[in-house]
Amino acid sequence: CWLVAALALIAEHPKLLQHILLTKEVNKEGVYLVRICHNGLWKTVIVDDCFPCTKHQQLLFTQAKRRQLYVPLIEKACAKIFGSYEK
């Protein structure tokens, strides 16, 4: 719930998104740099674009209208920092 609220805030402020998403364009390598503030410190996290999906090829966790990539990228970076999607 807290993550979705933060993502909604980011959507309203493009400068925040620019500060968080260090990789600015979709790339064929599928590797992205995401900056996350954890325990008061900014950390750069490397994530790929392989996301957990259902058997119907839909994202398992957060989804964005217009298929924006930043939502699952930030979610995956948070999951990496916290140890799993569940945490």
PDB file of N, CA and C in Angstrom:
ATOM      1  N   CYS A   1       0.827  -1.193   0.000  1.00  0.00           N
ATOM      2  CA  CYS A   1       0.000   0.000   0.000  1.00  0.00           C
ATOM      3  C   CYS A   1       0.875   1.263   0.000  1.00  0.00           C
ATOM      4  N   TRP A   2       1.914   1.298   0.851  1.00  0.00           N
ATOM      5  CA  TRP A   2       2.781   2.479   0.924  1.00  0.00           C
ATOM      6  C   TRP A   2       3.527   2.680  -0.383  1.00  0.00           C
ATOM      7  N   LEU A   3       3.896   1.582  -1.044  1.00  0.00           N
ATOM      8  CA  LEU A   3       4.629   1.702  -2.306  1.00  0.00           C
ATOM      9  C   LEU A   3       3.735   2.269  -3.397  1.00  0.00           C
ATOM     10  N   VAL A   4       2.511   1.810  -3.486  1.00  0.00           N
ATOM     11  CA  VAL A   4       1.577   2.304  -4.502  1.00  0.00           C
ATOM     12  C   VAL A   4       1.293   3.786  -4.276  1.00  0.00           C
ATOM     13  N   ALA A   5       1.169   4.211  -3.029  1.00  0.00           N
ATOM     14  CA  ALA A   5       0.956   5.631  -2.724  1.00  0.00           C
ATOM     15  C   ALA A   5       2.162   6.454  -3.176  1.00  0.00           C
ATOM     16  N   ALA A   6       3.359   5.949  -2.933  1.00  0.00           N
ATOM     17  CA  ALA A   6       4.573   6.656  -3.359  1.00  0.00           C
ATOM     18  C   ALA A   6       4.656   6.721  -4.882  1.00  0.00           C
ATOM     19  N   LEU A   7       4.287   5.649  -5.562  1.00  0.00           N
ATOM     20  CA  LEU A   7       4.299   5.644  -7.028  1.00  0.00           C
ATOM     21  C   LEU A   7       3.295   6.645  -7.593  1.00  0.00           C
ATOM     22  N   ALA A   8       2.149   6.780  -6.943  1.00  0.00           N
ATOM     23  CA  ALA A   8       1.155   7.771  -7.372  1.00  0.00           C
ATOM     24  C   ALA A   8       1.717   9.181  -7.231  1.00  0.00           C
ATOM     25  N   LEU A   9       2.439   9.437  -6.167  1.00  0.00           N
ATOM     26  CA  LEU A   9       3.066  10.742  -5.965  1.00  0.00           C
ATOM     27  C   LEU A   9       4.112  11.006  -7.042  1.00  0.00           C
ATOM     28  N   ILE A  10       4.921  10.006  -7.327  1.00  0.00           N
ATOM     29  CA  ILE A  10       5.952  10.143  -8.358  1.00  0.00           C
ATOM     30  C   ILE A  10       5.323  10.458  -9.710  1.00  0.00           C
ATOM     31  N   ALA A  11       4.193   9.839 -10.013  1.00  0.00           N
ATOM     32  CA  ALA A  11       3.510  10.074 -11.281  1.00  0.00           C
ATOM     33  C   ALA A  11       3.083  11.532 -11.426  1.00  0.00           C
ATOM     34  N   GLU A  12       2.797  12.191 -10.314  1.00  0.00           N
ATOM     35  CA  GLU A  12       2.373  13.592 -10.339  1.00  0.00           C
ATOM     36  C   GLU A  12       3.542  14.570 -10.429  1.00  0.00           C
ATOM     37  N   HIS A  13       4.761  14.102 -10.195  1.00  0.00           N
ATOM     38  CA  HIS A  13       5.940  14.971 -10.177  1.00  0.00           C
ATOM     39  C   HIS A  13       7.065  14.363 -11.017  1.00  0.00           C
ATOM     40  N   PRO A  14       7.092  14.677 -12.313  1.00  0.00           N
ATOM     41  CA  PRO A  14       8.083  14.085 -13.216  1.00  0.00           C
ATOM     42  C   PRO A  14       9.538  14.287 -12.779  1.00  0.00           C
ATOM     43  N   LYS A  15       9.841  15.384 -12.075  1.00  0.00           N
ATOM     44  CA  LYS A  15      11.222  15.590 -11.616  1.00  0.00           C
ATOM     45  C   LYS A  15      11.635  14.525 -10.601  1.00  0.00           C
ATOM     46  N   LEU A  16      10.695  14.067  -9.788  1.00  0.00           N
ATOM     47  CA  LEU A  16      10.978  12.968  -8.860  1.00  0.00           C
ATOM     48  C   LEU A  16      11.337  11.702  -9.631  1.00  0.00           C
ATOM     49  N   LEU A  17      10.573  11.435 -10.675  1.00  0.00           N
ATOM     50  CA  LEU A  17      10.824  10.248 -11.483  1.00  0.00           C
ATOM     51  C   LEU A  17      12.210  10.321 -12.122  1.00  0.00           C
ATOM     52  N   GLN A  18      12.600  11.501 -12.600  1.00  0.00           N
ATOM     53  CA  GLN A  18      13.926  11.667 -13.197  1.00  0.00           C
ATOM     54  C   GLN A  18      15.025  11.426 -12.171  1.00  0.00           C
ATOM     55  N   HIS A  19      14.785  11.781 -10.932  1.00  0.00           N
ATOM     56  CA  HIS A  19      15.770  11.575  -9.865  1.00  0.00           C
ATOM     57  C   HIS A  19      15.890  10.097  -9.488  1.00  0.00           C
ATOM     58  N   ILE A  20      14.798   9.368  -9.610  1.00  0.00           N
ATOM     59  CA  ILE A  20      14.764   7.972  -9.188  1.00  0.00           C
ATOM     60  C   ILE A  20      15.205   7.023 -10.307  1.00  0.00           C
ATOM     61  N   LEU A  21      14.691   7.253 -11.506  1.00  0.00           N
ATOM     62  CA  LEU A  21      15.042   6.383 -12.634  1.00  0.00           C
ATOM     63  C   LEU A  21      16.268   6.942 -13.335  1.00  0.00           C
ATOM     64  N   LEU A  22      17.420   6.355 -13.104  1.00  0.00           N
ATOM     65  CA  LEU A  22      18.659   6.863 -13.687  1.00  0.00           C
ATOM     66  C   LEU A  22      18.814   6.461 -15.148  1.00  0.00           C
ATOM     67  N   THR A  23      18.280   5.317 -15.532  1.00  0.00           N
ATOM     68  CA  THR A  23      18.274   4.908 -16.932  1.00  0.00           C
ATOM     69  C   THR A  23      17.052   5.548 -17.566  1.00  0.00           C
ATOM     70  N   LYS A  24      17.281   6.411 -18.529  1.00  0.00           N
ATOM     71  CA  LYS A  24      16.194   7.250 -19.052  1.00  0.00           C
ATOM     72  C   LYS A  24      15.408   6.623 -20.195  1.00  0.00           C
ATOM     73  N   GLU A  25      15.958   5.602 -20.839  1.00  0.00           N
ATOM     74  CA  GLU A  25      15.283   5.046 -22.005  1.00  0.00           C
ATOM     75  C   GLU A  25      15.208   3.527 -21.912  1.00  0.00           C
ATOM     76  N   VAL A  26      14.184   2.979 -22.546  1.00  0.00           N
ATOM     77  CA  VAL A  26      14.062   1.532 -22.657  1.00  0.00           C
ATOM     78  C   VAL A  26      15.257   1.054 -23.475  1.00  0.00           C
ATOM     79  N   ASN A  27      15.876  -0.038 -23.043  1.00  0.00           N
ATOM     80  CA  ASN A  27      17.037  -0.531 -23.788  1.00  0.00           C
ATOM     81  C   ASN A  27      16.904  -2.020 -24.050  1.00  0.00           C
ATOM     82  N   LYS A  28      17.525  -2.469 -25.128  1.00  0.00           N
ATOM     83  CA  LYS A  28      17.393  -3.876 -25.523  1.00  0.00           C
ATOM     84  C   LYS A  28      18.096  -4.825 -24.563  1.00  0.00           C
ATOM     85  N   GLU A  29      19.046  -4.305 -23.766  1.00  0.00           N
ATOM     86  CA  GLU A  29      19.712  -5.137 -22.774  1.00  0.00           C
ATOM     87  C   GLU A  29      18.797  -5.446 -21.593  1.00  0.00           C
ATOM     88  N   GLY A  30      17.824  -4.582 -21.362  1.00  0.00           N
ATOM     89  CA  GLY A  30      16.878  -4.799 -20.273  1.00  0.00           C
ATOM     90  C   GLY A  30      17.465  -4.555 -18.894  1.00  0.00           C
ATOM     91  N   VAL A  31      18.454  -3.667 -18.806  1.00  0.00           N
ATOM     92  CA  VAL A  31      19.106  -3.361 -17.532  1.00  0.00           C
ATOM     93  C   VAL A  31      18.847  -1.903 -17.188  1.00  0.00           C
ATOM     94  N   TYR A  32      18.448  -1.654 -15.941  1.00  0.00           N
ATOM     95  CA  TYR A  32      18.064  -0.303 -15.530  1.00  0.00           C
ATOM     96  C   TYR A  32      18.658   0.026 -14.164  1.00  0.00           C
ATOM     97  N   LEU A  33      18.990   1.294 -13.977  1.00  0.00           N
ATOM     98  CA  LEU A  33      19.468   1.790 -12.692  1.00  0.00           C
ATOM     99  C   LEU A  33      18.343   2.578 -12.040  1.00  0.00           C
ATOM    100  N   VAL A  34      18.027   2.204 -10.810  1.00  0.00           N
ATOM    101  CA  VAL A  34      16.952   2.847 -10.058  1.00  0.00           C
ATOM    102  C   VAL A  34      17.535   3.313  -8.730  1.00  0.00           C
ATOM    103  N   ARG A  35      17.264   4.557  -8.380  1.00  0.00           N
ATOM    104  CA  ARG A  35      17.745   5.109  -7.108  1.00  0.00           C
ATOM    105  C   ARG A  35      16.610   5.048  -6.089  1.00  0.00           C
ATOM    106  N   ILE A  36      16.885   4.408  -4.951  1.00  0.00           N
ATOM    107  CA  ILE A  36      15.887   4.236  -3.895  1.00  0.00           C
ATOM    108  C   ILE A  36      16.460   4.777  -2.592  1.00  0.00           C
ATOM    109  N   CYS A  37      15.646   5.505  -1.845  1.00  0.00           N
ATOM    110  CA  CYS A  37      16.063   5.968  -0.528  1.00  0.00           C
ATOM    111  C   CYS A  37      15.663   4.904   0.490  1.00  0.00           C
ATOM    112  N   HIS A  38      16.662   4.344   1.166  1.00  0.00           N
ATOM    113  CA  HIS A  38      16.420   3.293   2.141  1.00  0.00           C
ATOM    114  C   HIS A  38      17.148   3.655   3.427  1.00  0.00           C
ATOM    115  N   ASN A  39      16.412   3.751   4.519  1.00  0.00           N
ATOM    116  CA  ASN A  39      16.967   4.150   5.816  1.00  0.00           C
ATOM    117  C   ASN A  39      17.688   5.495   5.740  1.00  0.00           C
ATOM    118  N   GLY A  40      17.136   6.407   4.951  1.00  0.00           N
ATOM    119  CA  GLY A  40      17.687   7.753   4.858  1.00  0.00           C
ATOM    120  C   GLY A  40      18.860   7.911   3.910  1.00  0.00           C
ATOM    121  N   LEU A  41      19.277   6.829   3.253  1.00  0.00           N
ATOM    122  CA  LEU A  41      20.397   6.895   2.312  1.00  0.00           C
ATOM    123  C   LEU A  41      19.931   6.508   0.916  1.00  0.00           C
ATOM    124  N   TRP A  42      20.389   7.264  -0.081  1.00  0.00           N
ATOM    125  CA  TRP A  42      20.060   6.933  -1.464  1.00  0.00           C
ATOM    126  C   TRP A  42      20.967   5.810  -1.935  1.00  0.00           C
ATOM    127  N   LYS A  43      20.350   4.765  -2.496  1.00  0.00           N
ATOM    128  CA  LYS A  43      21.089   3.623  -3.024  1.00  0.00           C
ATOM    129  C   LYS A  43      20.706   3.426  -4.478  1.00  0.00           C
ATOM    130  N   THR A  44      21.699   3.116  -5.295  1.00  0.00           N
ATOM    131  CA  THR A  44      21.431   2.808  -6.698  1.00  0.00           C
ATOM    132  C   THR A  44      21.345   1.296  -6.834  1.00  0.00           C
ATOM    133  N   VAL A  45      20.243   0.844  -7.405  1.00  0.00           N
ATOM    134  CA  VAL A  45      19.969  -0.582  -7.545  1.00  0.00           C
ATOM    135  C   VAL A  45      19.914  -0.915  -9.035  1.00  0.00           C
ATOM    136  N   ILE A  46      20.572  -2.000  -9.421  1.00  0.00           N
ATOM    137  CA  ILE A  46      20.517  -2.483 -10.799  1.00  0.00           C
ATOM    138  C   ILE A  46      19.420  -3.538 -10.877  1.00  0.00           C
ATOM    139  N   VAL A  47      18.484  -3.340 -11.803  1.00  0.00           N
ATOM    140  CA  VAL A  47      17.409  -4.315 -12.009  1.00  0.00           C
ATOM    141  C   VAL A  47      17.280  -4.617 -13.495  1.00  0.00           C
ATOM    142  N   ASP A  48      16.709  -5.783 -13.776  1.00  0.00           N
ATOM    143  CA  ASP A  48      16.429  -6.122 -15.171  1.00  0.00           C
ATOM    144  C   ASP A  48      14.930  -5.992 -15.419  1.00  0.00           C
ATOM    145  N   ASP A  49      14.535  -6.222 -16.662  1.00  0.00           N
ATOM    146  CA  ASP A  49      13.119  -6.062 -16.998  1.00  0.00           C
ATOM    147  C   ASP A  49      12.376  -7.396 -17.079  1.00  0.00           C
ATOM    148  N   CYS A  50      12.824  -8.370 -16.319  1.00  0.00           N
ATOM    149  CA  CYS A  50      12.109  -9.648 -16.194  1.00  0.00           C
ATOM    150  C   CYS A  50      11.280  -9.582 -14.914  1.00  0.00           C
ATOM    151  N   PHE A  51       9.980  -9.502 -15.085  1.00  0.00           N
ATOM    152  CA  PHE A  51       9.086  -9.316 -13.947  1.00  0.00           C
ATOM    153  C   PHE A  51       8.238 -10.563 -13.717  1.00  0.00           C
ATOM    154  N   PRO A  52       7.848 -10.820 -12.473  1.00  0.00           N
ATOM    155  CA  PRO A  52       6.953 -11.955 -12.201  1.00  0.00           C
ATOM    156  C   PRO A  52       5.606 -11.745 -12.887  1.00  0.00           C
ATOM    157  N   CYS A  53       5.158 -12.775 -13.592  1.00  0.00           N
ATOM    158  CA  CYS A  53       3.894 -12.688 -14.335  1.00  0.00           C
ATOM    159  C   CYS A  53       2.998 -13.876 -14.011  1.00  0.00           C
ATOM    160  N   THR A  54       1.725 -13.691 -14.295  1.00  0.00           N
ATOM    161  CA  THR A  54       0.757 -14.777 -14.159  1.00  0.00           C
ATOM    162  C   THR A  54       0.893 -15.704 -15.368  1.00  0.00           C
ATOM    163  N   LYS A  55       0.159 -16.795 -15.341  1.00  0.00           N
ATOM    164  CA  LYS A  55       0.185 -17.710 -16.496  1.00  0.00           C
ATOM    165  C   LYS A  55      -0.443 -17.062 -17.733  1.00  0.00           C
ATOM    166  N   HIS A  56      -1.135 -15.932 -17.535  1.00  0.00           N
ATOM    167  CA  HIS A  56      -1.753 -15.204 -18.652  1.00  0.00           C
ATOM    168  C   HIS A  56      -0.877 -14.040 -19.131  1.00  0.00           C
ATOM    169  N   GLN A  57       0.387 -14.046 -18.709  1.00  0.00           N
ATOM    170  CA  GLN A  57       1.371 -13.040 -19.114  1.00  0.00           C
ATOM    171  C   GLN A  57       1.024 -11.625 -18.649  1.00  0.00           C
ATOM    172  N   GLN A  58       0.386 -11.521 -17.489  1.00  0.00           N
ATOM    173  CA  GLN A  58       0.119 -10.220 -16.887  1.00  0.00           C
ATOM    174  C   GLN A  58       1.024 -10.071 -15.666  1.00  0.00           C
ATOM    175  N   LEU A  59       1.427  -8.827 -15.390  1.00  0.00           N
ATOM    176  CA  LEU A  59       2.276  -8.594 -14.228  1.00  0.00           C
ATOM    177  C   LEU A  59       1.579  -9.102 -12.969  1.00  0.00           C
ATOM    178  N   LEU A  60       2.342  -9.759 -12.126  1.00  0.00           N
ATOM    179  CA  LEU A  60       1.775 -10.363 -10.923  1.00  0.00           C
ATOM    180  C   LEU A  60       1.470  -9.331  -9.845  1.00  0.00           C
ATOM    181  N   PHE A  61       2.281  -8.285  -9.755  1.00  0.00           N
ATOM    182  CA  PHE A  61       2.116  -7.306  -8.688  1.00  0.00           C
ATOM    183  C   PHE A  61       1.594  -5.988  -9.270  1.00  0.00           C
ATOM    184  N   THR A  62       2.283  -4.879  -9.046  1.00  0.00           N
ATOM    185  CA  THR A  62       1.742  -3.592  -9.509  1.00  0.00           C
ATOM    186  C   THR A  62       1.702  -3.505 -11.028  1.00  0.00           C
ATOM    187  N   GLN A  63       0.700  -2.789 -11.481  1.00  0.00           N
ATOM    188  CA  GLN A  63       0.536  -2.538 -12.913  1.00  0.00           C
ATOM    189  C   GLN A  63       0.203  -1.076 -13.090  1.00  0.00           C
ATOM    190  N   ALA A  64       0.582  -0.539 -14.228  1.00  0.00           N
ATOM    191  CA  ALA A  64       0.300   0.865 -14.510  1.00  0.00           C
ATOM    192  C   ALA A  64      -0.528   0.975 -15.785  1.00  0.00           C
ATOM    193  N   LYS A  65      -1.383   1.971 -15.807  1.00  0.00           N
ATOM    194  CA  LYS A  65      -2.102   2.250 -17.044  1.00  0.00           C
ATOM    195  C   LYS A  65      -1.084   2.683 -18.086  1.00  0.00           C
ATOM    196  N   ARG A  66      -1.393   2.449 -19.309  1.00  0.00           N
ATOM    197  CA  ARG A  66      -0.517   2.801 -20.439  1.00  0.00           C
ATOM    198  C   ARG A  66       0.818   2.061 -20.369  1.00  0.00           C
ATOM    199  N   ARG A  67       0.879   0.985 -19.583  1.00  0.00           N
ATOM    200  CA  ARG A  67       2.035   0.087 -19.513  1.00  0.00           C
ATOM    201  C   ARG A  67       3.353   0.814 -19.239  1.00  0.00           C
ATOM    202  N   GLN A  68       3.335   1.792 -18.332  1.00  0.00           N
ATOM    203  CA  GLN A  68       4.556   2.501 -17.982  1.00  0.00           C
ATOM    204  C   GLN A  68       5.530   1.534 -17.309  1.00  0.00           C
ATOM    205  N   LEU A  69       6.774   1.603 -17.731  1.00  0.00           N
ATOM    206  CA  LEU A  69       7.790   0.691 -17.240  1.00  0.00           C
ATOM    207  C   LEU A  69       8.306   1.079 -15.859  1.00  0.00           C
ATOM    208  N   TYR A  70       8.187   2.357 -15.498  1.00  0.00           N
ATOM    209  CA  TYR A  70       8.772   2.787 -14.231  1.00  0.00           C
ATOM    210  C   TYR A  70       8.126   2.113 -13.021  1.00  0.00           C
ATOM    211  N   VAL A  71       6.861   1.772 -13.107  1.00  0.00           N
ATOM    212  CA  VAL A  71       6.164   1.173 -11.962  1.00  0.00           C
ATOM    213  C   VAL A  71       6.773  -0.183 -11.589  1.00  0.00           C
ATOM    214  N   PRO A  72       6.847  -1.152 -12.512  1.00  0.00           N
ATOM    215  CA  PRO A  72       7.450  -2.428 -12.106  1.00  0.00           C
ATOM    216  C   PRO A  72       8.957  -2.330 -11.849  1.00  0.00           C
ATOM    217  N   LEU A  73       9.645  -1.372 -12.474  1.00  0.00           N
ATOM    218  CA  LEU A  73      11.078  -1.208 -12.210  1.00  0.00           C
ATOM    219  C   LEU A  73      11.327  -0.743 -10.777  1.00  0.00           C
ATOM    220  N   ILE A  74      10.585   0.262 -10.336  1.00  0.00           N
ATOM    221  CA  ILE A  74      10.753   0.760  -8.964  1.00  0.00           C
ATOM    222  C   ILE A  74      10.327  -0.311  -7.965  1.00  0.00           C
ATOM    223  N   GLU A  75       9.238  -1.003  -8.264  1.00  0.00           N
ATOM    224  CA  GLU A  75       8.783  -2.081  -7.385  1.00  0.00           C
ATOM    225  C   GLU A  75       9.852  -3.167  -7.270  1.00  0.00           C
ATOM    226  N   LYS A  76      10.480  -3.526  -8.380  1.00  0.00           N
ATOM    227  CA  LYS A  76      11.502  -4.568  -8.352  1.00  0.00           C
ATOM    228  C   LYS A  76      12.738  -4.101  -7.576  1.00  0.00           C
ATOM    229  N   ALA A  77      13.100  -2.826  -7.723  1.00  0.00           N
ATOM    230  CA  ALA A  77      14.233  -2.286  -6.966  1.00  0.00           C
ATOM    231  C   ALA A  77      13.945  -2.340  -5.466  1.00  0.00           C
ATOM    232  N   CYS A  78      12.725  -2.003  -5.074  1.00  0.00           N
ATOM    233  CA  CYS A  78      12.348  -2.089  -3.653  1.00  0.00           C
ATOM    234  C   CYS A  78      12.388  -3.535  -3.175  1.00  0.00           C
ATOM    235  N   ALA A  79      11.890  -4.457  -3.987  1.00  0.00           N
ATOM    236  CA  ALA A  79      11.921  -5.876  -3.616  1.00  0.00           C
ATOM    237  C   ALA A  79      13.355  -6.350  -3.443  1.00  0.00           C
ATOM    238  N   LYS A  80      14.237  -5.858  -4.283  1.00  0.00           N
ATOM    239  CA  LYS A  80      15.648  -6.247  -4.178  1.00  0.00           C
ATOM    240  C   LYS A  80      16.262  -5.716  -2.887  1.00  0.00           C
ATOM    241  N   ILE A  81      15.965  -4.468  -2.544  1.00  0.00           N
ATOM    242  CA  ILE A  81      16.508  -3.881  -1.308  1.00  0.00           C
ATOM    243  C   ILE A  81      15.951  -4.590  -0.067  1.00  0.00           C
ATOM    244  N   PHE A  82      14.643  -4.870  -0.072  1.00  0.00           N
ATOM    245  CA  PHE A  82      14.006  -5.462   1.104  1.00  0.00           C
ATOM    246  C   PHE A  82      14.109  -6.987   1.160  1.00  0.00           C
ATOM    247  N   GLY A  83      14.571  -7.613   0.079  1.00  0.00           N
ATOM    248  CA  GLY A  83      14.798  -9.049   0.105  1.00  0.00           C
ATOM    249  C   GLY A  83      13.798  -9.888  -0.650  1.00  0.00           C
ATOM    250  N   SER A  84      12.624  -9.334  -0.951  1.00  0.00           N
ATOM    251  CA  SER A  84      11.615 -10.071  -1.729  1.00  0.00           C
ATOM    252  C   SER A  84      10.448  -9.155  -2.034  1.00  0.00           C
ATOM    253  N   TYR A  85       9.600  -9.590  -2.959  1.00  0.00           N
ATOM    254  CA  TYR A  85       8.374  -8.840  -3.243  1.00  0.00           C
ATOM    255  C   TYR A  85       7.444  -8.881  -2.040  1.00  0.00           C
ATOM    256  N   GLU A  86       7.443  -9.968  -1.330  1.00  0.00           N
ATOM    257  CA  GLU A  86       6.552 -10.116  -0.171  1.00  0.00           C
ATOM    258  C   GLU A  86       6.879  -9.104   0.917  1.00  0.00           C
ATOM    259  N   LYS A  87       8.175  -8.891   1.168  1.00  0.00           N
ATOM    260  CA  LYS A  87       8.567  -7.969   2.228  1.00  0.00           C
ATOM    261  C   LYS A  87       8.325  -6.551   1.784  1.00  0.00           C
TER     262      LYS A  87
END
